[in-house]
Amino acid sequence: MSTSELDWSKSSYSSAQGDSCVEVAVGEQGVRVRDSKDVTRPHLAVGRDGWARFVGFTARGVRAE
């Protein structure tokens, strides 16, 4: 599946201008993340398990040091 076929979503916390945000798209093989300001740049692909761990850490406010 090409990135243009994915359903990209912005965070509800994105500013009204949408200038400081990332977009995510969930696909069969994992989650893709891209810069909303320049969607032509390469995106980051993460497996579903890795994404779930990342979201869990951020929800708990855990910071990597």
C-alpha atoms as a PDB file:
ATOM      1  CA  MET A   1       0.000   0.000   0.000  1.00  0.00           C
ATOM      2  CA  SER A   2       1.437   3.392  -0.961  1.00  0.00           C
ATOM      3  CA  THR A   3       1.488   6.269   1.521  1.00  0.00           C
ATOM      4  CA  SER A   4      -1.049   8.156  -0.591  1.00  0.00           C
ATOM      5  CA  GLU A   5      -3.545   5.330  -0.039  1.00  0.00           C
ATOM      6  CA  LEU A   6      -3.229   5.456   3.755  1.00  0.00           C
ATOM      7  CA  ASP A   7      -5.709   7.281   5.978  1.00  0.00           C
ATOM      8  CA  TRP A   8      -3.486   9.853   7.714  1.00  0.00           C
ATOM      9  CA  SER A   9      -4.709  11.473  10.958  1.00  0.00           C
ATOM     10  CA  LYS A  10      -3.469  14.463  12.954  1.00  0.00           C
ATOM     11  CA  SER A  11      -3.575  14.744  16.703  1.00  0.00           C
ATOM     12  CA  SER A  12      -6.530  16.506  18.238  1.00  0.00           C
ATOM     13  CA  TYR A  13      -3.888  18.571  20.079  1.00  0.00           C
ATOM     14  CA  SER A  14      -2.629  20.065  16.796  1.00  0.00           C
ATOM     15  CA  SER A  15      -2.839  23.840  16.673  1.00  0.00           C
ATOM     16  CA  ALA A  16      -5.441  25.558  14.512  1.00  0.00           C
ATOM     17  CA  GLN A  17      -2.686  26.383  12.019  1.00  0.00           C
ATOM     18  CA  GLY A  18      -1.573  22.729  11.954  1.00  0.00           C
ATOM     19  CA  ASP A  19       2.047  23.843  11.862  1.00  0.00           C
ATOM     20  CA  SER A  20       3.621  21.708  14.585  1.00  0.00           C
ATOM     21  CA  CYS A  21       2.242  18.258  14.246  1.00  0.00           C
ATOM     22  CA  VAL A  22       2.868  14.779  13.032  1.00  0.00           C
ATOM     23  CA  GLU A  23       0.380  12.560  11.258  1.00  0.00           C
ATOM     24  CA  VAL A  24      -0.079   8.836  11.761  1.00  0.00           C
ATOM     25  CA  ALA A  25      -1.600   6.142   9.602  1.00  0.00           C
ATOM     26  CA  VAL A  26      -2.377   2.636  10.790  1.00  0.00           C
ATOM     27  CA  GLY A  27      -1.899  -0.085   8.204  1.00  0.00           C
ATOM     28  CA  GLU A  28      -1.854  -3.861   8.131  1.00  0.00           C
ATOM     29  CA  GLN A  29       1.895  -3.996   8.663  1.00  0.00           C
ATOM     30  CA  GLY A  30       2.170  -1.307  11.324  1.00  0.00           C
ATOM     31  CA  VAL A  31       1.988   2.407  11.956  1.00  0.00           C
ATOM     32  CA  ARG A  32       3.526   5.121   9.831  1.00  0.00           C
ATOM     33  CA  VAL A  33       4.436   8.582  11.132  1.00  0.00           C
ATOM     34  CA  ARG A  34       5.175  11.679   9.032  1.00  0.00           C
ATOM     35  CA  ASP A  35       5.724  15.425   9.377  1.00  0.00           C
ATOM     36  CA  SER A  36       2.475  17.230   8.582  1.00  0.00           C
ATOM     37  CA  LYS A  37       4.379  20.265   7.265  1.00  0.00           C
ATOM     38  CA  ASP A  38       6.139  18.263   4.529  1.00  0.00           C
ATOM     39  CA  VAL A  39       4.281  15.088   3.631  1.00  0.00           C
ATOM     40  CA  THR A  40       6.619  14.427   0.691  1.00  0.00           C
ATOM     41  CA  ARG A  41       9.518  13.546   3.004  1.00  0.00           C
ATOM     42  CA  PRO A  42      10.104   9.913   3.973  1.00  0.00           C
ATOM     43  CA  HIS A  43       7.969   8.623   6.834  1.00  0.00           C
ATOM     44  CA  LEU A  44       8.847   6.478   9.819  1.00  0.00           C
ATOM     45  CA  ALA A  45       7.416   2.956   9.891  1.00  0.00           C
ATOM     46  CA  VAL A  46       6.891   1.270  13.272  1.00  0.00           C
ATOM     47  CA  GLY A  47       5.515  -2.168  14.080  1.00  0.00           C
ATOM     48  CA  ARG A  48       2.239  -2.377  15.981  1.00  0.00           C
ATOM     49  CA  ASP A  49       3.919  -3.684  19.156  1.00  0.00           C
ATOM     50  CA  GLY A  50       6.517  -0.903  19.098  1.00  0.00           C
ATOM     51  CA  TRP A  51       3.813   1.718  18.583  1.00  0.00           C
ATOM     52  CA  ALA A  52       1.754   0.320  21.462  1.00  0.00           C
ATOM     53  CA  ARG A  53       4.804   0.513  23.773  1.00  0.00           C
ATOM     54  CA  PHE A  54       5.529   4.097  22.648  1.00  0.00           C
ATOM     55  CA  VAL A  55       1.944   5.218  23.254  1.00  0.00           C
ATOM     56  CA  GLY A  56       1.962   3.474  26.648  1.00  0.00           C
ATOM     57  CA  PHE A  57       5.140   5.278  27.696  1.00  0.00           C
ATOM     58  CA  THR A  58       3.842   8.664  26.598  1.00  0.00           C
ATOM     59  CA  ALA A  59       0.458   8.125  28.279  1.00  0.00           C
ATOM     60  CA  ARG A  60       2.270   7.469  31.570  1.00  0.00           C
ATOM     61  CA  GLY A  61       4.566  10.471  31.095  1.00  0.00           C
ATOM     62  CA  VAL A  62       7.719   8.334  30.985  1.00  0.00           C
ATOM     63  CA  ARG A  63      10.722  10.126  29.526  1.00  0.00           C
ATOM     64  CA  ALA A  64      13.786   8.473  28.039  1.00  0.00           C
ATOM     65  CA  GLU A  65      17.016   9.768  29.542  1.00  0.00           C
END
